[in-house]
Amino acid sequence: MPYLQHIGPITALIAGILILIMPRLLNYIIALYLIVTGLIGLFGR
């Protein structure tokens, strides 16, 4: 699925912009990233 290659950079860009606007959001973004990464690691890609 070639369109999935663009999800990472687009997500990073959106997260960066949101963190600039609302720095408090950083905690939630990092927590969500860690949870998703952990789930992908446990259940495969």
PDB file of N, CA and C in Angstrom:
ATOM      1  N   MET A   1       0.830  -1.182   0.000  1.00  0.00           N
ATOM      2  CA  MET A   1       0.000   0.000   0.000  1.00  0.00           C
ATOM      3  C   MET A   1       0.875   1.247   0.000  1.00  0.00           C
ATOM      4  N   PRO A   2       1.091   1.845  -1.139  1.00  0.00           N
ATOM      5  CA  PRO A   2       2.007   2.981  -1.232  1.00  0.00           C
ATOM      6  C   PRO A   2       1.533   4.229  -0.498  1.00  0.00           C
ATOM      7  N   TYR A   3       0.216   4.389  -0.327  1.00  0.00           N
ATOM      8  CA  TYR A   3      -0.259   5.597   0.337  1.00  0.00           C
ATOM      9  C   TYR A   3       0.083   5.607   1.820  1.00  0.00           C
ATOM     10  N   LEU A   4       0.408   4.461   2.409  1.00  0.00           N
ATOM     11  CA  LEU A   4       0.760   4.404   3.826  1.00  0.00           C
ATOM     12  C   LEU A   4       2.132   5.014   4.096  1.00  0.00           C
ATOM     13  N   GLN A   5       2.963   5.148   3.074  1.00  0.00           N
ATOM     14  CA  GLN A   5       4.290   5.725   3.260  1.00  0.00           C
ATOM     15  C   GLN A   5       4.213   7.200   3.630  1.00  0.00           C
ATOM     16  N   HIS A   6       3.142   7.859   3.272  1.00  0.00           N
ATOM     17  CA  HIS A   6       3.008   9.293   3.534  1.00  0.00           C
ATOM     18  C   HIS A   6       2.412   9.592   4.900  1.00  0.00           C
ATOM     19  N   ILE A   7       1.895   8.586   5.582  1.00  0.00           N
ATOM     20  CA  ILE A   7       1.221   8.821   6.866  1.00  0.00           C
ATOM     21  C   ILE A   7       2.211   9.316   7.922  1.00  0.00           C
ATOM     22  N   GLY A   8       3.399   8.728   7.996  1.00  0.00           N
ATOM     23  CA  GLY A   8       4.394   9.130   8.995  1.00  0.00           C
ATOM     24  C   GLY A   8       4.783  10.594   8.908  1.00  0.00           C
ATOM     25  N   PRO A   9       5.276  11.036   7.739  1.00  0.00           N
ATOM     26  CA  PRO A   9       5.665  12.452   7.622  1.00  0.00           C
ATOM     27  C   PRO A   9       4.504  13.420   7.804  1.00  0.00           C
ATOM     28  N   ILE A  10       3.338  13.082   7.305  1.00  0.00           N
ATOM     29  CA  ILE A  10       2.181  13.970   7.462  1.00  0.00           C
ATOM     30  C   ILE A  10       1.788  14.061   8.929  1.00  0.00           C
ATOM     31  N   THR A  11       1.793  12.920   9.626  1.00  0.00           N
ATOM     32  CA  THR A  11       1.467  12.915  11.050  1.00  0.00           C
ATOM     33  C   THR A  11       2.479  13.736  11.835  1.00  0.00           C
ATOM     34  N   ALA A  12       3.752  13.584  11.502  1.00  0.00           N
ATOM     35  CA  ALA A  12       4.803  14.350  12.194  1.00  0.00           C
ATOM     36  C   ALA A  12       4.629  15.847  11.962  1.00  0.00           C
ATOM     37  N   LEU A  13       4.297  16.224  10.743  1.00  0.00           N
ATOM     38  CA  LEU A  13       4.096  17.633  10.430  1.00  0.00           C
ATOM     39  C   LEU A  13       2.917  18.214  11.206  1.00  0.00           C
ATOM     40  N   ILE A  14       1.806  17.514  11.209  1.00  0.00           N
ATOM     41  CA  ILE A  14       0.620  17.976  11.941  1.00  0.00           C
ATOM     42  C   ILE A  14       0.915  18.051  13.435  1.00  0.00           C
ATOM     43  N   ALA A  15       1.594  17.025  13.966  1.00  0.00           N
ATOM     44  CA  ALA A  15       1.929  17.025  15.395  1.00  0.00           C
ATOM     45  C   ALA A  15       2.836  18.200  15.731  1.00  0.00           C
ATOM     46  N   GLY A  16       3.811  18.466  14.883  1.00  0.00           N
ATOM     47  CA  GLY A  16       4.724  19.596  15.125  1.00  0.00           C
ATOM     48  C   GLY A  16       3.991  20.925  15.155  1.00  0.00           C
ATOM     49  N   ILE A  17       3.080  21.107  14.235  1.00  0.00           N
ATOM     50  CA  ILE A  17       2.312  22.359  14.193  1.00  0.00           C
ATOM     51  C   ILE A  17       1.434  22.489  15.436  1.00  0.00           C
ATOM     52  N   LEU A  18       0.783  21.381  15.817  1.00  0.00           N
ATOM     53  CA  LEU A  18      -0.069  21.435  17.006  1.00  0.00           C
ATOM     54  C   LEU A  18       0.738  21.705  18.272  1.00  0.00           C
ATOM     55  N   ILE A  19       1.950  21.146  18.356  1.00  0.00           N
ATOM     56  CA  ILE A  19       2.791  21.387  19.529  1.00  0.00           C
ATOM     57  C   ILE A  19       3.210  22.850  19.579  1.00  0.00           C
ATOM     58  N   LEU A  20       3.481  23.453  18.424  1.00  0.00           N
ATOM     59  CA  LEU A  20       3.825  24.876  18.414  1.00  0.00           C
ATOM     60  C   LEU A  20       2.653  25.731  18.896  1.00  0.00           C
ATOM     61  N   ILE A  21       1.443  25.323  18.505  1.00  0.00           N
ATOM     62  CA  ILE A  21       0.262  26.102  18.895  1.00  0.00           C
ATOM     63  C   ILE A  21      -0.082  25.864  20.367  1.00  0.00           C
ATOM     64  N   MET A  22      -0.056  24.590  20.778  1.00  0.00           N
ATOM     65  CA  MET A  22      -0.419  24.227  22.153  1.00  0.00           C
ATOM     66  C   MET A  22       0.650  23.298  22.725  1.00  0.00           C
ATOM     67  N   PRO A  23       1.685  23.839  23.363  1.00  0.00           N
ATOM     68  CA  PRO A  23       2.794  23.005  23.859  1.00  0.00           C
ATOM     69  C   PRO A  23       2.359  21.923  24.846  1.00  0.00           C
ATOM     70  N   ARG A  24       1.269  22.132  25.559  1.00  0.00           N
ATOM     71  CA  ARG A  24       0.776  21.135  26.501  1.00  0.00           C
ATOM     72  C   ARG A  24       0.363  19.843  25.805  1.00  0.00           C
ATOM     73  N   LEU A  25       0.035  19.959  24.533  1.00  0.00           N
ATOM     74  CA  LEU A  25      -0.413  18.823  23.747  1.00  0.00           C
ATOM     75  C   LEU A  25       0.706  17.793  23.546  1.00  0.00           C
ATOM     76  N   LEU A  26       1.941  18.208  23.749  1.00  0.00           N
ATOM     77  CA  LEU A  26       3.090  17.318  23.545  1.00  0.00           C
ATOM     78  C   LEU A  26       2.968  16.043  24.366  1.00  0.00           C
ATOM     79  N   ASN A  27       2.536  16.158  25.609  1.00  0.00           N
ATOM     80  CA  ASN A  27       2.398  14.973  26.466  1.00  0.00           C
ATOM     81  C   ASN A  27       1.437  13.960  25.865  1.00  0.00           C
ATOM     82  N   TYR A  28       0.314  14.431  25.357  1.00  0.00           N
ATOM     83  CA  TYR A  28      -0.687  13.531  24.790  1.00  0.00           C
ATOM     84  C   TYR A  28      -0.196  12.902  23.491  1.00  0.00           C
ATOM     85  N   ILE A  29       0.490  13.690  22.679  1.00  0.00           N
ATOM     86  CA  ILE A  29       0.994  13.164  21.409  1.00  0.00           C
ATOM     87  C   ILE A  29       2.036  12.084  21.653  1.00  0.00           C
ATOM     88  N   ILE A  30       2.938  12.309  22.603  1.00  0.00           N
ATOM     89  CA  ILE A  30       3.959  11.311  22.906  1.00  0.00           C
ATOM     90  C   ILE A  30       3.317  10.052  23.484  1.00  0.00           C
ATOM     91  N   ALA A  31       2.361  10.223  24.384  1.00  0.00           N
ATOM     92  CA  ALA A  31       1.686   9.065  24.969  1.00  0.00           C
ATOM     93  C   ALA A  31       0.964   8.258  23.895  1.00  0.00           C
ATOM     94  N   LEU A  32       0.267   8.922  23.009  1.00  0.00           N
ATOM     95  CA  LEU A  32      -0.441   8.236  21.935  1.00  0.00           C
ATOM     96  C   LEU A  32       0.532   7.511  21.009  1.00  0.00           C
ATOM     97  N   TYR A  33       1.636   8.162  20.689  1.00  0.00           N
ATOM     98  CA  TYR A  33       2.654   7.538  19.832  1.00  0.00           C
ATOM     99  C   TYR A  33       3.214   6.274  20.480  1.00  0.00           C
ATOM    100  N   LEU A  34       3.520   6.346  21.755  1.00  0.00           N
ATOM    101  CA  LEU A  34       4.078   5.187  22.454  1.00  0.00           C
ATOM    102  C   LEU A  34       3.072   4.042  22.522  1.00  0.00           C
ATOM    103  N   ILE A  35       1.810   4.352  22.759  1.00  0.00           N
ATOM    104  CA  ILE A  35       0.782   3.318  22.813  1.00  0.00           C
ATOM    105  C   ILE A  35       0.621   2.649  21.446  1.00  0.00           C
ATOM    106  N   VAL A  36       0.542   3.445  20.398  1.00  0.00           N
ATOM    107  CA  VAL A  36       0.386   2.889  19.051  1.00  0.00           C
ATOM    108  C   VAL A  36       1.601   2.064  18.667  1.00  0.00           C
ATOM    109  N   THR A  37       2.795   2.566  18.952  1.00  0.00           N
ATOM    110  CA  THR A  37       4.016   1.830  18.642  1.00  0.00           C
ATOM    111  C   THR A  37       4.063   0.508  19.399  1.00  0.00           C
ATOM    112  N   GLY A  38       3.678   0.521  20.646  1.00  0.00           N
ATOM    113  CA  GLY A  38       3.648  -0.701  21.449  1.00  0.00           C
ATOM    114  C   GLY A  38       2.651  -1.711  20.911  1.00  0.00           C
ATOM    115  N   LEU A  39       1.467  -1.250  20.519  1.00  0.00           N
ATOM    116  CA  LEU A  39       0.456  -2.147  19.976  1.00  0.00           C
ATOM    117  C   LEU A  39       0.914  -2.756  18.637  1.00  0.00           C
ATOM    118  N   ILE A  40       1.530  -1.935  17.812  1.00  0.00           N
ATOM    119  CA  ILE A  40       2.038  -2.444  16.526  1.00  0.00           C
ATOM    120  C   ILE A  40       3.133  -3.468  16.785  1.00  0.00           C
ATOM    121  N   GLY A  41       3.987  -3.200  17.763  1.00  0.00           N
ATOM    122  CA  GLY A  41       5.050  -4.145  18.099  1.00  0.00           C
ATOM    123  C   GLY A  41       4.516  -5.462  18.636  1.00  0.00           C
ATOM    124  N   LEU A  42       3.439  -5.409  19.401  1.00  0.00           N
ATOM    125  CA  LEU A  42       2.861  -6.631  19.971  1.00  0.00           C
ATOM    126  C   LEU A  42       2.098  -7.446  18.941  1.00  0.00           C
ATOM    127  N   PHE A  43       1.325  -6.778  18.114  1.00  0.00           N
ATOM    128  CA  PHE A  43       0.415  -7.475  17.215  1.00  0.00           C
ATOM    129  C   PHE A  43       0.889  -7.547  15.771  1.00  0.00           C
ATOM    130  N   GLY A  44       2.085  -7.079  15.509  1.00  0.00           N
ATOM    131  CA  GLY A  44       2.611  -7.155  14.148  1.00  0.00           C
ATOM    132  C   GLY A  44       2.221  -5.963  13.314  1.00  0.00           C
ATOM    133  N   ARG A  45       2.739  -5.950  12.109  1.00  0.00           N
ATOM    134  CA  ARG A  45       2.500  -4.813  11.229  1.00  0.00           C
ATOM    135  C   ARG A  45       1.371  -5.160  10.328  1.00  0.00           C
TER     136      ARG A  45
END
